[in-house]
Every structure is written in structure tokens, then in C-alpha cells.
Amino acid sequence: MSLVSKILTGVLLVLSVGMFVYLYGSVEEVIVKRETISRQEALTTARLKLIREAEIVFLSVHGRYTANWDSLANFVNNGRVPIIQRREEIIQKAYGGEDVKVHIDTLGYVPAKERIFKKNYTLNASDDGTLVEYKVKVGDRAMKNVKALTLRVMGKPYDQPFMENGVIETLAANPGDEVKKGQMLINYSEYVFDINTDMSRIGYKPNSDIKFDIYVGKVDKAGALVQVIEVRDPSPDNPLRKESNDQKARKPLRFGSRVDVSTAGNWE
């Protein structure tokens, strides 16, 4: 091989290595950027879910949504939510008809933060039978689709699983008890949001000083004025999320609507 050929071969080798390094670095940079956007959007979505739940509970107490972030934060930290029981009383009329009288009783109150951050679940008897045993005790962690208890139904044992994850709070019956279909046997709960969230920042995108856009109002539906809400990210991390984009999944992250009675999020 001539000297010129060797030089050309060396130059091409250097160029090839350089091109490989450049392309590899570019691909890695794209991957890192996508991962960063994905993580930030996950945080933004989680914050929007928290805002949505807080607004729904606020509505249940005050009969309206709030567009004031300080008011929402104060409600989460200091508000109370009534525990309501609805019961019906059937009154027999003299001529044989019936009247149904509805009673709404307030049994007590729970802190708004507990209602918003914590979801309570019950495991009810799937059929009439005898409670044979619990597979868990108070304080244990329930796992979805894992056996919770055993019932004896028509002489045969039946293992009933949990339907959600959570922590066992109470066991409402004892082994050997006769139980009825629908009877509550286990009460358990799960925190679905970070209880240590700084409520003074509830209106901000995580890791930023950008506030969410919020709109609350009323729309006429069949002659009745109903509350509506929309909360959106005004500064999407993904540059493809533009208002003009026709693809629903690419619009700025948001929940609710200014014209429809909905609190659905466009990430769902």
C-alpha cells in the first residue's frame, strides 16, 4: 500500500470515528431530552390530578369551583368535609299508595386534606356465607388481586381477593360469623397523592414558577346553570403540544372544559 493510500485510509478512519461519535452523541442527547420531557410531564399530570381532586371536593362543600389558588390551598389545609348519610323513609298512605321521604344526615366531618389525598375502600362479602378466615390483619398492606379472606359459600370455600392496594384499617367481622352478600368485611385505604406536597405551590407547575391557567364559570345545560372548570399548562414542556395541533394527545396538558360539564384530563 502506497503512502498516499495509507494517509487516505487513516483520514477516512478518523472521519468515520468522528462521525460515529457525533451521531452517537446526537442520539443520546435526543433520548435524554425525551426522558426529561417525559418525567416533567408526569409531574405536571400528577399536579393536575391533585388540583382536580381538590376542586371536586371544594365543589362538594361550597357548591362552586374556585379560581383562587390561595383559597384552594387554604381549603386543602384547613377545610372540613361533612360525612353525609342519605336514607329513605317509606310512608304508607291511607289509600294504599306510598310516599318516599329522603333524609340527609350529617354524621360528622373529616379534614379536607384526608378526603382529597386518601382513598377509602371496602371489601364486601361476595355472597351469603360464613367467614372462615382473614388472610391479613390490621396494619398489613393490601395488594390488588391478592387473597384477602376466605368465605364458605354453600359448603365450599371461596377465596376473595382485594380489588385495590391499601393499608388495612379495620376488620369488621370475626371468623365463624355468618355474613350477608354486600356486608362490609374489611376497610382499607391508600394515599394517592404525596401528603407532604406544599399546598402554597399547588397552582404551580412542579420545578417551576409557572402558574397553571385556570377558568371557572357556569354554562346552561337544559335550562340549568352548572359549574364548569378548566385548568391547563400554559407552557408545555413538549414543543409538539400546541393549541393548533389537531391531535388530542399533543395538546397542552389540561383537564376540564369551559363549555362542557367534564373534569376529564386529556392525558386519560
C-alpha atoms as a PDB file:
ATOM      1  CA  MET A   1       0.000   0.000   0.000  1.00  0.00           C
ATOM      2  CA  SER A   2       1.358   3.357  -1.031  1.00  0.00           C
ATOM      3  CA  LEU A   3       1.970   6.215   1.379  1.00  0.00           C
ATOM      4  CA  VAL A   4      -0.932   8.179  -0.137  1.00  0.00           C
ATOM      5  CA  SER A   5      -3.279   5.233   0.303  1.00  0.00           C
ATOM      6  CA  LYS A   6      -2.237   4.849   3.927  1.00  0.00           C
ATOM      7  CA  ILE A   7      -2.834   8.545   4.558  1.00  0.00           C
ATOM      8  CA  LEU A   8      -6.264   8.409   2.906  1.00  0.00           C
ATOM      9  CA  THR A   9      -7.166   5.290   4.886  1.00  0.00           C
ATOM     10  CA  GLY A  10      -6.125   6.998   8.101  1.00  0.00           C
ATOM     11  CA  VAL A  11      -8.082  10.141   7.286  1.00  0.00           C
ATOM     12  CA  LEU A  12     -11.218   8.120   6.437  1.00  0.00           C
ATOM     13  CA  LEU A  13     -10.856   6.148   9.652  1.00  0.00           C
ATOM     14  CA  VAL A  14     -10.623   9.326  11.697  1.00  0.00           C
ATOM     15  CA  LEU A  15     -13.631  10.822   9.882  1.00  0.00           C
ATOM     16  CA  SER A  16     -15.622   7.620  10.415  1.00  0.00           C
ATOM     17  CA  VAL A  17     -14.842   7.566  14.123  1.00  0.00           C
ATOM     18  CA  GLY A  18     -15.683  11.250  14.377  1.00  0.00           C
ATOM     19  CA  MET A  19     -18.979  10.774  12.562  1.00  0.00           C
ATOM     20  CA  PHE A  20     -19.836   7.810  14.798  1.00  0.00           C
ATOM     21  CA  VAL A  21     -19.107   9.811  17.940  1.00  0.00           C
ATOM     22  CA  TYR A  22     -21.158  12.748  16.636  1.00  0.00           C
ATOM     23  CA  LEU A  23     -24.147  10.595  15.688  1.00  0.00           C
ATOM     24  CA  TYR A  24     -23.983   8.629  18.940  1.00  0.00           C
ATOM     25  CA  GLY A  25     -23.852  11.867  20.937  1.00  0.00           C
ATOM     26  CA  SER A  26     -26.777  13.312  18.983  1.00  0.00           C
ATOM     27  CA  VAL A  27     -28.927  10.194  19.523  1.00  0.00           C
ATOM     28  CA  GLU A  28     -28.044  10.095  23.213  1.00  0.00           C
ATOM     29  CA  GLU A  29     -28.928  13.785  23.537  1.00  0.00           C
ATOM     30  CA  VAL A  30     -32.339  13.167  21.935  1.00  0.00           C
ATOM     31  CA  ILE A  31     -33.005  10.216  24.255  1.00  0.00           C
ATOM     32  CA  VAL A  32     -32.034  12.215  27.354  1.00  0.00           C
ATOM     33  CA  LYS A  33     -34.221  15.129  26.232  1.00  0.00           C
ATOM     34  CA  ARG A  34     -37.208  12.841  25.677  1.00  0.00           C
ATOM     35  CA  GLU A  35     -36.739  11.236  29.075  1.00  0.00           C
ATOM     36  CA  THR A  36     -36.538  14.668  30.730  1.00  0.00           C
ATOM     37  CA  ILE A  37     -39.741  15.792  28.995  1.00  0.00           C
ATOM     38  CA  SER A  38     -41.474  12.549  29.968  1.00  0.00           C
ATOM     39  CA  ARG A  39     -40.514  12.930  33.647  1.00  0.00           C
ATOM     40  CA  GLN A  40     -41.619  16.564  33.766  1.00  0.00           C
ATOM     41  CA  GLU A  41     -44.933  15.790  32.076  1.00  0.00           C
ATOM     42  CA  ALA A  42     -45.526  13.001  34.602  1.00  0.00           C
ATOM     43  CA  LEU A  43     -45.020  15.511  37.432  1.00  0.00           C
ATOM     44  CA  THR A  44     -47.301  18.023  35.724  1.00  0.00           C
ATOM     45  CA  THR A  45     -50.005  15.407  35.219  1.00  0.00           C
ATOM     46  CA  ALA A  46     -49.786  14.358  38.873  1.00  0.00           C
ATOM     47  CA  ARG A  47     -50.203  18.001  39.955  1.00  0.00           C
ATOM     48  CA  LEU A  48     -53.202  18.464  37.661  1.00  0.00           C
ATOM     49  CA  LYS A  49     -54.785  15.338  39.151  1.00  0.00           C
ATOM     50  CA  LEU A  50     -54.304  16.756  42.655  1.00  0.00           C
ATOM     51  CA  ILE A  51     -55.818  20.101  41.639  1.00  0.00           C
ATOM     52  CA  ARG A  52     -58.761  18.306  40.047  1.00  0.00           C
ATOM     53  CA  GLU A  53     -59.466  16.243  43.167  1.00  0.00           C
ATOM     54  CA  ALA A  54     -59.154  19.311  45.405  1.00  0.00           C
ATOM     55  CA  GLU A  55     -61.550  21.292  43.197  1.00  0.00           C
ATOM     56  CA  ILE A  56     -64.095  18.457  43.125  1.00  0.00           C
ATOM     57  CA  VAL A  57     -64.103  18.255  46.924  1.00  0.00           C
ATOM     58  CA  PHE A  58     -64.244  22.072  47.148  1.00  0.00           C
ATOM     59  CA  LEU A  59     -67.301  21.987  44.870  1.00  0.00           C
ATOM     60  CA  SER A  60     -68.984  19.360  47.060  1.00  0.00           C
ATOM     61  CA  VAL A  61     -68.647  21.618  50.100  1.00  0.00           C
ATOM     62  CA  HIS A  62     -69.168  25.109  48.629  1.00  0.00           C
ATOM     63  CA  GLY A  63     -71.305  24.385  45.582  1.00  0.00           C
ATOM     64  CA  ARG A  64     -68.795  26.022  43.245  1.00  0.00           C
ATOM     65  CA  TYR A  65     -65.224  25.760  41.997  1.00  0.00           C
ATOM     66  CA  THR A  66     -62.593  28.342  42.902  1.00  0.00           C
ATOM     67  CA  ALA A  67     -60.117  30.076  40.613  1.00  0.00           C
ATOM     68  CA  ASN A  68     -58.181  31.445  43.584  1.00  0.00           C
ATOM     69  CA  TRP A  69     -55.138  29.303  44.340  1.00  0.00           C
ATOM     70  CA  ASP A  70     -54.786  30.681  47.883  1.00  0.00           C
ATOM     71  CA  SER A  71     -58.406  29.789  48.653  1.00  0.00           C
ATOM     72  CA  LEU A  72     -57.893  26.273  47.300  1.00  0.00           C
ATOM     73  CA  ALA A  73     -54.691  25.802  49.316  1.00  0.00           C
ATOM     74  CA  ASN A  74     -56.390  27.059  52.494  1.00  0.00           C
ATOM     75  CA  PHE A  75     -59.303  24.683  51.909  1.00  0.00           C
ATOM     76  CA  VAL A  76     -56.982  21.699  51.486  1.00  0.00           C
ATOM     77  CA  ASN A  77     -55.005  22.557  54.622  1.00  0.00           C
ATOM     78  CA  ASN A  78     -57.820  23.725  56.903  1.00  0.00           C
ATOM     79  CA  GLY A  79     -61.184  22.791  55.395  1.00  0.00           C
ATOM     80  CA  ARG A  80     -63.640  20.161  56.595  1.00  0.00           C
ATOM     81  CA  VAL A  81     -65.848  17.865  54.583  1.00  0.00           C
ATOM     82  CA  PRO A  82     -69.136  16.580  56.037  1.00  0.00           C
ATOM     83  CA  ILE A  83     -69.820  12.864  56.171  1.00  0.00           C
ATOM     84  CA  ILE A  84     -73.282  12.569  54.670  1.00  0.00           C
ATOM     85  CA  GLN A  85     -75.709   9.670  55.040  1.00  0.00           C
ATOM     86  CA  ARG A  86     -78.725   9.507  52.765  1.00  0.00           C
ATOM     87  CA  ARG A  87     -81.639   7.371  53.899  1.00  0.00           C
ATOM     88  CA  GLU A  88     -85.164   6.889  52.646  1.00  0.00           C
ATOM     89  CA  GLU A  89     -88.327   6.572  54.709  1.00  0.00           C
ATOM     90  CA  ILE A  90     -91.330   4.914  53.066  1.00  0.00           C
ATOM     91  CA  ILE A  91     -94.629   6.314  54.347  1.00  0.00           C
ATOM     92  CA  GLN A  92     -97.788   4.345  53.654  1.00  0.00           C
ATOM     93  CA  LYS A  93    -100.745   6.461  52.571  1.00  0.00           C
ATOM     94  CA  ALA A  94    -104.279   5.829  53.716  1.00  0.00           C
ATOM     95  CA  TYR A  95    -105.481   4.873  50.227  1.00  0.00           C
ATOM     96  CA  GLY A  96    -102.687   2.358  49.757  1.00  0.00           C
ATOM     97  CA  GLY A  97    -100.057   4.431  47.993  1.00  0.00           C
ATOM     98  CA  GLU A  98     -96.583   5.248  49.249  1.00  0.00           C
ATOM     99  CA  ASP A  99     -94.558   8.379  49.782  1.00  0.00           C
ATOM    100  CA  VAL A 100     -90.778   8.284  49.930  1.00  0.00           C
ATOM    101  CA  LYS A 101     -89.189  10.800  52.262  1.00  0.00           C
ATOM    102  CA  VAL A 102     -85.444  11.332  51.868  1.00  0.00           C
ATOM    103  CA  HIS A 103     -83.383  12.206  54.951  1.00  0.00           C
ATOM    104  CA  ILE A 104     -79.903  13.687  54.646  1.00  0.00           C
ATOM    105  CA  ASP A 105     -77.954  13.323  57.877  1.00  0.00           C
ATOM    106  CA  THR A 106     -74.538  14.766  58.696  1.00  0.00           C
ATOM    107  CA  LEU A 107     -72.680  12.150  60.716  1.00  0.00           C
ATOM    108  CA  GLY A 108     -69.535  14.189  61.278  1.00  0.00           C
ATOM    109  CA  TYR A 109     -66.650  15.807  59.455  1.00  0.00           C
ATOM    110  CA  VAL A 110     -63.286  14.751  58.065  1.00  0.00           C
ATOM    111  CA  PRO A 111     -60.372  17.057  57.215  1.00  0.00           C
ATOM    112  CA  ALA A 112     -60.454  18.101  53.569  1.00  0.00           C
ATOM    113  CA  LYS A 113     -56.843  17.002  53.153  1.00  0.00           C
ATOM    114  CA  GLU A 114     -57.692  13.480  54.224  1.00  0.00           C
ATOM    115  CA  ARG A 115     -60.635  13.293  51.822  1.00  0.00           C
ATOM    116  CA  ILE A 116     -58.526  14.632  48.945  1.00  0.00           C
ATOM    117  CA  PHE A 117     -55.282  12.736  49.490  1.00  0.00           C
ATOM    118  CA  LYS A 118     -56.670   9.489  50.843  1.00  0.00           C
ATOM    119  CA  LYS A 119     -58.987   6.999  49.168  1.00  0.00           C
ATOM    120  CA  ASN A 120     -61.022   4.651  51.356  1.00  0.00           C
ATOM    121  CA  TYR A 121     -62.010   1.218  50.127  1.00  0.00           C
ATOM    122  CA  THR A 122     -64.135  -1.596  51.487  1.00  0.00           C
ATOM    123  CA  LEU A 123     -64.136  -5.282  50.747  1.00  0.00           C
ATOM    124  CA  ASN A 124     -67.678  -6.596  50.964  1.00  0.00           C
ATOM    125  CA  ALA A 125     -68.886 -10.182  51.145  1.00  0.00           C
ATOM    126  CA  SER A 126     -69.381 -11.509  47.627  1.00  0.00           C
ATOM    127  CA  ASP A 127     -72.208 -13.816  48.745  1.00  0.00           C
ATOM    128  CA  ASP A 128     -74.112 -15.117  51.752  1.00  0.00           C
ATOM    129  CA  GLY A 129     -71.938 -17.492  53.748  1.00  0.00           C
ATOM    130  CA  THR A 130     -69.625 -17.984  56.687  1.00  0.00           C
ATOM    131  CA  LEU A 131     -66.391 -16.081  57.225  1.00  0.00           C
ATOM    132  CA  VAL A 132     -63.713 -18.746  57.546  1.00  0.00           C
ATOM    133  CA  GLU A 133     -60.597 -16.596  57.988  1.00  0.00           C
ATOM    134  CA  TYR A 134     -58.857 -13.362  57.128  1.00  0.00           C
ATOM    135  CA  LYS A 135     -55.590 -13.536  55.210  1.00  0.00           C
ATOM    136  CA  VAL A 136     -54.490 -10.181  56.671  1.00  0.00           C
ATOM    137  CA  LYS A 137     -54.518  -8.231  59.933  1.00  0.00           C
ATOM    138  CA  VAL A 138     -54.907  -4.561  60.804  1.00  0.00           C
ATOM    139  CA  GLY A 139     -51.855  -2.637  59.628  1.00  0.00           C
ATOM    140  CA  ASP A 140     -50.991  -5.044  56.823  1.00  0.00           C
ATOM    141  CA  ARG A 141     -50.728  -3.806  53.263  1.00  0.00           C
ATOM    142  CA  ALA A 142     -53.433  -4.986  50.879  1.00  0.00           C
ATOM    143  CA  MET A 143     -52.327  -5.833  47.351  1.00  0.00           C
ATOM    144  CA  LYS A 144     -54.676  -5.846  44.380  1.00  0.00           C
ATOM    145  CA  ASN A 145     -55.724  -9.366  43.296  1.00  0.00           C
ATOM    146  CA  VAL A 146     -54.102 -10.926  46.384  1.00  0.00           C
ATOM    147  CA  LYS A 147     -56.308 -13.092  48.635  1.00  0.00           C
ATOM    148  CA  ALA A 148     -57.991 -11.124  51.416  1.00  0.00           C
ATOM    149  CA  LEU A 149     -60.237 -13.665  53.129  1.00  0.00           C
ATOM    150  CA  THR A 150     -61.973 -16.996  52.789  1.00  0.00           C
ATOM    151  CA  LEU A 151     -65.742 -17.447  52.807  1.00  0.00           C
ATOM    152  CA  ARG A 152     -67.630 -20.705  52.960  1.00  0.00           C
ATOM    153  CA  VAL A 153     -70.467 -20.462  50.467  1.00  0.00           C
ATOM    154  CA  MET A 154     -72.900 -23.371  50.152  1.00  0.00           C
ATOM    155  CA  GLY A 155     -70.393 -25.613  51.893  1.00  0.00           C
ATOM    156  CA  LYS A 156     -67.457 -24.717  49.644  1.00  0.00           C
ATOM    157  CA  PRO A 157     -64.526 -22.410  50.482  1.00  0.00           C
ATOM    158  CA  TYR A 158     -64.079 -19.317  48.332  1.00  0.00           C
ATOM    159  CA  ASP A 159     -61.057 -17.010  48.467  1.00  0.00           C
ATOM    160  CA  GLN A 160     -61.964 -13.375  47.880  1.00  0.00           C
ATOM    161  CA  PRO A 161     -59.210 -11.010  46.638  1.00  0.00           C
ATOM    162  CA  PHE A 162     -58.579  -7.315  47.182  1.00  0.00           C
ATOM    163  CA  MET A 163     -59.672  -5.023  44.363  1.00  0.00           C
ATOM    164  CA  GLU A 164     -57.282  -2.155  45.251  1.00  0.00           C
ATOM    165  CA  ASN A 165     -53.982  -1.559  47.037  1.00  0.00           C
ATOM    166  CA  GLY A 166     -54.025  -0.035  50.520  1.00  0.00           C
ATOM    167  CA  VAL A 167     -53.439  -0.413  54.246  1.00  0.00           C
ATOM    168  CA  ILE A 168     -55.850  -2.419  56.396  1.00  0.00           C
ATOM    169  CA  GLU A 169     -57.658  -0.224  58.924  1.00  0.00           C
ATOM    170  CA  THR A 170     -60.441  -2.420  60.333  1.00  0.00           C
ATOM    171  CA  LEU A 171     -61.737  -5.971  60.129  1.00  0.00           C
ATOM    172  CA  ALA A 172     -65.493  -5.780  60.585  1.00  0.00           C
ATOM    173  CA  ALA A 173     -66.394  -9.411  61.374  1.00  0.00           C
ATOM    174  CA  ASN A 174     -64.961 -12.424  63.145  1.00  0.00           C
ATOM    175  CA  PRO A 175     -64.110 -15.860  61.747  1.00  0.00           C
ATOM    176  CA  GLY A 176     -67.160 -18.086  62.162  1.00  0.00           C
ATOM    177  CA  ASP A 177     -69.636 -15.226  61.701  1.00  0.00           C
ATOM    178  CA  GLU A 178     -72.480 -15.609  59.237  1.00  0.00           C
ATOM    179  CA  VAL A 179     -72.289 -12.793  56.688  1.00  0.00           C
ATOM    180  CA  LYS A 180     -74.661 -11.431  54.069  1.00  0.00           C
ATOM    181  CA  LYS A 181     -73.867 -10.544  50.480  1.00  0.00           C
ATOM    182  CA  GLY A 182     -72.653  -6.943  50.334  1.00  0.00           C
ATOM    183  CA  GLN A 183     -71.747  -6.801  54.032  1.00  0.00           C
ATOM    184  CA  MET A 184     -68.562  -4.802  54.669  1.00  0.00           C
ATOM    185  CA  LEU A 185     -65.809  -7.082  55.978  1.00  0.00           C
ATOM    186  CA  ILE A 186     -62.587  -5.092  55.520  1.00  0.00           C
ATOM    187  CA  ASN A 187     -61.961  -1.356  55.486  1.00  0.00           C
ATOM    188  CA  TYR A 188     -58.666  -0.203  53.971  1.00  0.00           C
ATOM    189  CA  SER A 189     -57.205   2.963  52.460  1.00  0.00           C
ATOM    190  CA  GLU A 190     -54.444   4.328  50.264  1.00  0.00           C
ATOM    191  CA  TYR A 191     -52.808   7.746  49.916  1.00  0.00           C
ATOM    192  CA  VAL A 192     -52.989   8.577  46.209  1.00  0.00           C
ATOM    193  CA  PHE A 193     -51.093  11.886  46.462  1.00  0.00           C
ATOM    194  CA  ASP A 194     -47.937  12.901  48.321  1.00  0.00           C
ATOM    195  CA  ILE A 195     -49.150  14.040  51.732  1.00  0.00           C
ATOM    196  CA  ASN A 196     -46.079  16.308  52.042  1.00  0.00           C
ATOM    197  CA  THR A 197     -47.000  18.395  48.983  1.00  0.00           C
ATOM    198  CA  ASP A 198     -46.503  22.127  49.652  1.00  0.00           C
ATOM    199  CA  MET A 199     -50.017  23.493  49.233  1.00  0.00           C
ATOM    200  CA  SER A 200     -48.746  27.047  48.795  1.00  0.00           C
ATOM    201  CA  ARG A 201     -47.404  25.804  45.440  1.00  0.00           C
ATOM    202  CA  ILE A 202     -50.487  23.902  44.352  1.00  0.00           C
ATOM    203  CA  GLY A 203     -51.143  26.291  41.460  1.00  0.00           C
ATOM    204  CA  TYR A 204     -47.620  25.998  40.051  1.00  0.00           C
ATOM    205  CA  LYS A 205     -46.091  23.517  37.662  1.00  0.00           C
ATOM    206  CA  PRO A 206     -43.613  21.326  39.582  1.00  0.00           C
ATOM    207  CA  ASN A 207     -40.000  22.525  39.416  1.00  0.00           C
ATOM    208  CA  SER A 208     -41.015  25.908  38.016  1.00  0.00           C
ATOM    209  CA  ASP A 209     -42.545  29.295  38.820  1.00  0.00           C
ATOM    210  CA  ILE A 210     -45.128  28.928  36.051  1.00  0.00           C
ATOM    211  CA  LYS A 211     -48.735  29.020  37.217  1.00  0.00           C
ATOM    212  CA  PHE A 212     -51.418  26.913  35.613  1.00  0.00           C
ATOM    213  CA  ASP A 213     -54.145  28.769  33.746  1.00  0.00           C
ATOM    214  CA  ILE A 214     -57.468  28.252  35.500  1.00  0.00           C
ATOM    215  CA  TYR A 215     -61.008  29.116  34.427  1.00  0.00           C
ATOM    216  CA  VAL A 216     -64.216  28.575  36.385  1.00  0.00           C
ATOM    217  CA  GLY A 217     -67.688  29.554  35.282  1.00  0.00           C
ATOM    218  CA  LYS A 218     -71.204  28.376  34.537  1.00  0.00           C
ATOM    219  CA  VAL A 219     -72.858  27.022  31.413  1.00  0.00           C
ATOM    220  CA  ASP A 220     -76.518  26.497  30.584  1.00  0.00           C
ATOM    221  CA  LYS A 221     -77.438  22.838  30.327  1.00  0.00           C
ATOM    222  CA  ALA A 222     -81.112  22.115  29.670  1.00  0.00           C
ATOM    223  CA  GLY A 223     -82.113  25.376  31.340  1.00  0.00           C
ATOM    224  CA  ALA A 224     -79.944  24.875  34.412  1.00  0.00           C
ATOM    225  CA  LEU A 225     -76.713  26.702  35.164  1.00  0.00           C
ATOM    226  CA  VAL A 226     -73.968  24.244  36.059  1.00  0.00           C
ATOM    227  CA  GLN A 227     -70.408  24.762  37.214  1.00  0.00           C
ATOM    228  CA  VAL A 228     -67.507  24.181  34.806  1.00  0.00           C
ATOM    229  CA  ILE A 229     -63.748  24.318  35.238  1.00  0.00           C
ATOM    230  CA  GLU A 230     -60.697  24.141  33.032  1.00  0.00           C
ATOM    231  CA  VAL A 231     -57.058  24.030  34.185  1.00  0.00           C
ATOM    232  CA  ARG A 232     -54.237  23.920  31.642  1.00  0.00           C
ATOM    233  CA  ASP A 233     -50.474  24.065  31.369  1.00  0.00           C
ATOM    234  CA  PRO A 234     -49.652  27.392  29.656  1.00  0.00           C
ATOM    235  CA  SER A 235     -46.059  26.388  28.918  1.00  0.00           C
ATOM    236  CA  PRO A 236     -45.878  22.779  27.647  1.00  0.00           C
ATOM    237  CA  ASP A 237     -42.533  21.037  28.094  1.00  0.00           C
ATOM    238  CA  ASN A 238     -43.113  19.104  24.902  1.00  0.00           C
ATOM    239  CA  PRO A 239     -42.707  21.524  21.969  1.00  0.00           C
ATOM    240  CA  LEU A 240     -45.188  19.434  19.972  1.00  0.00           C
ATOM    241  CA  ARG A 241     -48.005  20.322  22.371  1.00  0.00           C
ATOM    242  CA  LYS A 242     -49.578  23.268  20.588  1.00  0.00           C
ATOM    243  CA  GLU A 243     -53.155  24.553  20.662  1.00  0.00           C
ATOM    244  CA  SER A 244     -53.282  24.354  16.862  1.00  0.00           C
ATOM    245  CA  ASN A 245     -52.377  20.681  16.849  1.00  0.00           C
ATOM    246  CA  ASP A 246     -55.386  18.533  15.934  1.00  0.00           C
ATOM    247  CA  GLN A 247     -54.084  15.502  17.787  1.00  0.00           C
ATOM    248  CA  LYS A 248     -55.746  15.405  21.196  1.00  0.00           C
ATOM    249  CA  ALA A 249     -52.754  13.739  22.851  1.00  0.00           C
ATOM    250  CA  ARG A 250     -50.466  16.569  21.701  1.00  0.00           C
ATOM    251  CA  LYS A 251     -52.482  19.486  23.048  1.00  0.00           C
ATOM    252  CA  PRO A 252     -51.217  21.191  26.247  1.00  0.00           C
ATOM    253  CA  LEU A 253     -51.915  19.074  29.327  1.00  0.00           C
ATOM    254  CA  ARG A 254     -55.251  20.080  30.818  1.00  0.00           C
ATOM    255  CA  PHE A 255     -58.410  18.852  32.489  1.00  0.00           C
ATOM    256  CA  GLY A 256     -61.991  20.052  32.327  1.00  0.00           C
ATOM    257  CA  SER A 257     -63.760  22.240  29.797  1.00  0.00           C
ATOM    258  CA  ARG A 258     -65.152  25.751  29.516  1.00  0.00           C
ATOM    259  CA  VAL A 259     -68.262  24.559  27.686  1.00  0.00           C
ATOM    260  CA  ASP A 260     -68.950  21.009  28.918  1.00  0.00           C
ATOM    261  CA  VAL A 261     -69.610  19.534  32.353  1.00  0.00           C
ATOM    262  CA  SER A 262     -66.455  17.458  32.487  1.00  0.00           C
ATOM    263  CA  THR A 263     -63.313  17.136  34.586  1.00  0.00           C
ATOM    264  CA  ALA A 264     -61.625  14.625  32.291  1.00  0.00           C
ATOM    265  CA  GLY A 265     -57.933  15.104  31.591  1.00  0.00           C
ATOM    266  CA  ASN A 266     -56.568  14.933  28.047  1.00  0.00           C
ATOM    267  CA  TRP A 267     -53.859  12.525  29.224  1.00  0.00           C
ATOM    268  CA  GLU A 268     -56.506   9.893  30.021  1.00  0.00           C
END
